[in-house]
Amino acid sequence: MKQIEENGYAVVLNGEGMQIVHKYGIACYKKTCKVVYGR
Protein backbone atom coordinates (compact mmCIF):
# COMPACT_ATOMS: atom_id res chain seq x y z
CA MET A 1 0.00 0.00 0.00
CA LYS A 2 2.88 2.31 0.80
CA GLN A 3 4.31 1.81 -2.68
CA ILE A 4 0.96 2.59 -4.32
CA GLU A 5 0.76 5.89 -2.44
CA GLU A 6 4.42 6.86 -2.93
CA ASN A 7 4.33 6.24 -6.68
CA GLY A 8 0.95 7.96 -7.14
CA TYR A 9 -0.69 5.14 -9.08
CA ALA A 10 -4.17 6.00 -7.77
CA VAL A 11 -3.68 9.69 -8.61
CA VAL A 12 -2.90 8.78 -12.23
CA LEU A 13 -6.06 6.68 -12.49
CA ASN A 14 -8.16 9.44 -10.93
CA GLY A 15 -6.70 11.88 -13.45
CA GLU A 16 -7.78 9.57 -16.28
CA GLY A 17 -11.39 9.67 -15.12
CA MET A 18 -11.61 6.73 -12.72
CA GLN A 19 -13.89 7.72 -9.86
CA ILE A 20 -13.34 4.71 -7.60
CA VAL A 21 -9.94 3.03 -7.29
CA HIS A 22 -9.57 -0.20 -5.33
CA LYS A 23 -6.04 -0.77 -4.04
CA TYR A 24 -4.70 -4.23 -3.20
CA GLY A 25 -1.35 -5.14 -1.72
CA ILE A 26 -0.26 -8.77 -1.91
CA ALA A 27 2.85 -10.16 -0.24
CA CYS A 28 3.95 -13.79 -0.15
CA TYR A 29 6.73 -15.45 1.80
CA LYS A 30 7.23 -19.20 1.56
CA LYS A 31 3.71 -20.63 2.08
CA THR A 32 2.23 -17.56 3.76
CA CYS A 33 0.45 -14.75 1.92
CA LYS A 34 -1.04 -11.50 3.14
CA VAL A 35 -3.55 -9.38 1.25
CA VAL A 36 -4.29 -5.77 2.22
CA TYR A 37 -7.15 -3.75 0.74
CA GLY A 38 -7.61 -0.01 0.62
CA ARG A 39 -9.90 2.35 -1.21
PDB file of N, CA and C in Angstrom:
ATOM      1  N   MET A   1       0.831  -1.177   0.000  1.00  0.00           N
ATOM      2  CA  MET A   1       0.000   0.000   0.000  1.00  0.00           C
ATOM      3  C   MET A   1       0.885   1.253   0.000  1.00  0.00           C
ATOM      4  N   LYS A   2       1.957   1.174   0.745  1.00  0.00           N
ATOM      5  CA  LYS A   2       2.881   2.311   0.800  1.00  0.00           C
ATOM      6  C   LYS A   2       3.416   2.642  -0.591  1.00  0.00           C
ATOM      7  N   GLN A   3       3.769   1.615  -1.335  1.00  0.00           N
ATOM      8  CA  GLN A   3       4.314   1.808  -2.676  1.00  0.00           C
ATOM      9  C   GLN A   3       3.269   2.414  -3.620  1.00  0.00           C
ATOM     10  N   ILE A   4       2.026   2.023  -3.484  1.00  0.00           N
ATOM     11  CA  ILE A   4       0.956   2.587  -4.319  1.00  0.00           C
ATOM     12  C   ILE A   4       0.828   4.082  -4.059  1.00  0.00           C
ATOM     13  N   GLU A   5       0.872   4.477  -2.793  1.00  0.00           N
ATOM     14  CA  GLU A   5       0.759   5.893  -2.437  1.00  0.00           C
ATOM     15  C   GLU A   5       1.990   6.682  -2.874  1.00  0.00           C
ATOM     16  N   GLU A   6       3.178   6.142  -2.602  1.00  0.00           N
ATOM     17  CA  GLU A   6       4.416   6.856  -2.926  1.00  0.00           C
ATOM     18  C   GLU A   6       4.574   7.082  -4.428  1.00  0.00           C
ATOM     19  N   ASN A   7       4.177   6.126  -5.231  1.00  0.00           N
ATOM     20  CA  ASN A   7       4.328   6.240  -6.681  1.00  0.00           C
ATOM     21  C   ASN A   7       3.144   6.915  -7.359  1.00  0.00           C
ATOM     22  N   GLY A   8       2.084   7.204  -6.615  1.00  0.00           N
ATOM     23  CA  GLY A   8       0.954   7.958  -7.142  1.00  0.00           C
ATOM     24  C   GLY A   8       0.123   7.217  -8.177  1.00  0.00           C
ATOM     25  N   TYR A   9       0.076   5.904  -8.096  1.00  0.00           N
ATOM     26  CA  TYR A   9      -0.694   5.137  -9.077  1.00  0.00           C
ATOM     27  C   TYR A   9      -2.178   5.499  -9.045  1.00  0.00           C
ATOM     28  N   ALA A  10      -2.744   5.667  -7.880  1.00  0.00           N
ATOM     29  CA  ALA A  10      -4.172   5.999  -7.774  1.00  0.00           C
ATOM     30  C   ALA A  10      -4.443   7.395  -8.320  1.00  0.00           C
ATOM     31  N   VAL A  11      -3.521   8.318  -8.114  1.00  0.00           N
ATOM     32  CA  VAL A  11      -3.684   9.689  -8.611  1.00  0.00           C
ATOM     33  C   VAL A  11      -3.745   9.688 -10.137  1.00  0.00           C
ATOM     34  N   VAL A  12      -2.898   8.887 -10.763  1.00  0.00           N
ATOM     35  CA  VAL A  12      -2.899   8.783 -12.227  1.00  0.00           C
ATOM     36  C   VAL A  12      -4.243   8.266 -12.717  1.00  0.00           C
ATOM     37  N   LEU A  13      -4.765   7.235 -12.077  1.00  0.00           N
ATOM     38  CA  LEU A  13      -6.057   6.682 -12.492  1.00  0.00           C
ATOM     39  C   LEU A  13      -7.184   7.679 -12.272  1.00  0.00           C
ATOM     40  N   ASN A  14      -7.147   8.414 -11.163  1.00  0.00           N
ATOM     41  CA  ASN A  14      -8.161   9.440 -10.928  1.00  0.00           C
ATOM     42  C   ASN A  14      -8.087  10.522 -12.001  1.00  0.00           C
ATOM     43  N   GLY A  15      -6.882  10.875 -12.407  1.00  0.00           N
ATOM     44  CA  GLY A  15      -6.698  11.876 -13.452  1.00  0.00           C
ATOM     45  C   GLY A  15      -7.208  11.418 -14.809  1.00  0.00           C
ATOM     46  N   GLU A  16      -7.268  10.113 -15.016  1.00  0.00           N
ATOM     47  CA  GLU A  16      -7.776   9.567 -16.275  1.00  0.00           C
ATOM     48  C   GLU A  16      -9.279   9.309 -16.234  1.00  0.00           C
ATOM     49  N   GLY A  17      -9.944   9.764 -15.172  1.00  0.00           N
ATOM     50  CA  GLY A  17     -11.395   9.669 -15.122  1.00  0.00           C
ATOM     51  C   GLY A  17     -11.958   8.577 -14.230  1.00  0.00           C
ATOM     52  N   MET A  18     -11.117   7.768 -13.632  1.00  0.00           N
ATOM     53  CA  MET A  18     -11.606   6.733 -12.716  1.00  0.00           C
ATOM     54  C   MET A  18     -12.107   7.403 -11.437  1.00  0.00           C
ATOM     55  N   GLN A  19     -13.325   7.105 -11.046  1.00  0.00           N
ATOM     56  CA  GLN A  19     -13.893   7.719  -9.856  1.00  0.00           C
ATOM     57  C   GLN A  19     -13.616   6.902  -8.606  1.00  0.00           C
ATOM     58  N   ILE A  20     -13.603   5.588  -8.741  1.00  0.00           N
ATOM     59  CA  ILE A  20     -13.339   4.709  -7.599  1.00  0.00           C
ATOM     60  C   ILE A  20     -12.137   3.839  -7.950  1.00  0.00           C
ATOM     61  N   VAL A  21     -11.134   3.845  -7.081  1.00  0.00           N
ATOM     62  CA  VAL A  21      -9.939   3.033  -7.291  1.00  0.00           C
ATOM     63  C   VAL A  21      -9.802   2.089  -6.103  1.00  0.00           C
ATOM     64  N   HIS A  22      -9.778   0.805  -6.375  1.00  0.00           N
ATOM     65  CA  HIS A  22      -9.571  -0.201  -5.331  1.00  0.00           C
ATOM     66  C   HIS A  22      -8.090  -0.555  -5.330  1.00  0.00           C
ATOM     67  N   LYS A  23      -7.468  -0.488  -4.152  1.00  0.00           N
ATOM     68  CA  LYS A  23      -6.036  -0.768  -4.044  1.00  0.00           C
ATOM     69  C   LYS A  23      -5.825  -2.058  -3.266  1.00  0.00           C
ATOM     70  N   TYR A  24      -5.022  -2.950  -3.839  1.00  0.00           N
ATOM     71  CA  TYR A  24      -4.698  -4.225  -3.201  1.00  0.00           C
ATOM     72  C   TYR A  24      -3.192  -4.343  -3.073  1.00  0.00           C
ATOM     73  N   GLY A  25      -2.754  -4.803  -1.919  1.00  0.00           N
ATOM     74  CA  GLY A  25      -1.353  -5.137  -1.718  1.00  0.00           C
ATOM     75  C   GLY A  25      -1.264  -6.615  -1.400  1.00  0.00           C
ATOM     76  N   ILE A  26      -0.403  -7.323  -2.110  1.00  0.00           N
ATOM     77  CA  ILE A  26      -0.257  -8.768  -1.909  1.00  0.00           C
ATOM     78  C   ILE A  26       1.213  -9.076  -1.667  1.00  0.00           C
ATOM     79  N   ALA A  27       1.486  -9.762  -0.567  1.00  0.00           N
ATOM     80  CA  ALA A  27       2.854 -10.159  -0.238  1.00  0.00           C
ATOM     81  C   ALA A  27       2.859 -11.636   0.114  1.00  0.00           C
ATOM     82  N   CYS A  28       3.825 -12.360  -0.437  1.00  0.00           N
ATOM     83  CA  CYS A  28       3.951 -13.793  -0.155  1.00  0.00           C
ATOM     84  C   CYS A  28       5.363 -14.101   0.318  1.00  0.00           C
ATOM     85  N   TYR A  29       5.454 -14.976   1.297  1.00  0.00           N
ATOM     86  CA  TYR A  29       6.734 -15.453   1.801  1.00  0.00           C
ATOM     87  C   TYR A  29       6.579 -16.922   2.128  1.00  0.00           C
ATOM     88  N   LYS A  30       7.331 -17.748   1.436  1.00  0.00           N
ATOM     89  CA  LYS A  30       7.234 -19.203   1.557  1.00  0.00           C
ATOM     90  C   LYS A  30       5.790 -19.631   1.316  1.00  0.00           C
ATOM     91  N   LYS A  31       5.098 -20.186   2.292  1.00  0.00           N
ATOM     92  CA  LYS A  31       3.713 -20.635   2.085  1.00  0.00           C
ATOM     93  C   LYS A  31       2.697 -19.708   2.746  1.00  0.00           C
ATOM     94  N   THR A  32       3.116 -18.516   3.103  1.00  0.00           N
ATOM     95  CA  THR A  32       2.233 -17.560   3.760  1.00  0.00           C
ATOM     96  C   THR A  32       2.019 -16.356   2.846  1.00  0.00           C
ATOM     97  N   CYS A  33       0.770 -15.940   2.711  1.00  0.00           N
ATOM     98  CA  CYS A  33       0.448 -14.751   1.917  1.00  0.00           C
ATOM     99  C   CYS A  33      -0.409 -13.803   2.745  1.00  0.00           C
ATOM    100  N   LYS A  34      -0.240 -12.519   2.474  1.00  0.00           N
ATOM    101  CA  LYS A  34      -1.037 -11.497   3.142  1.00  0.00           C
ATOM    102  C   LYS A  34      -1.598 -10.575   2.069  1.00  0.00           C
ATOM    103  N   VAL A  35      -2.887 -10.277   2.182  1.00  0.00           N
ATOM    104  CA  VAL A  35      -3.553  -9.375   1.254  1.00  0.00           C
ATOM    105  C   VAL A  35      -4.101  -8.206   2.053  1.00  0.00           C
ATOM    106  N   VAL A  36      -3.809  -6.985   1.572  1.00  0.00           N
ATOM    107  CA  VAL A  36      -4.288  -5.766   2.221  1.00  0.00           C
ATOM    108  C   VAL A  36      -5.109  -5.003   1.195  1.00  0.00           C
ATOM    109  N   TYR A  37      -6.239  -4.480   1.628  1.00  0.00           N
ATOM    110  CA  TYR A  37      -7.146  -3.753   0.740  1.00  0.00           C
ATOM    111  C   TYR A  37      -7.323  -2.324   1.230  1.00  0.00           C
ATOM    112  N   GLY A  38      -7.330  -1.404   0.293  1.00  0.00           N
ATOM    113  CA  GLY A  38      -7.606  -0.007   0.616  1.00  0.00           C
ATOM    114  C   GLY A  38      -8.404   0.613  -0.506  1.00  0.00           C
ATOM    115  N   ARG A  39      -9.077   1.697  -0.199  1.00  0.00           N
ATOM    116  CA  ARG A  39      -9.899   2.354  -1.213  1.00  0.00           C
ATOM    117  C   ARG A  39      -9.575   3.807  -1.278  1.00  0.00           C
TER     118      ARG A  39
END
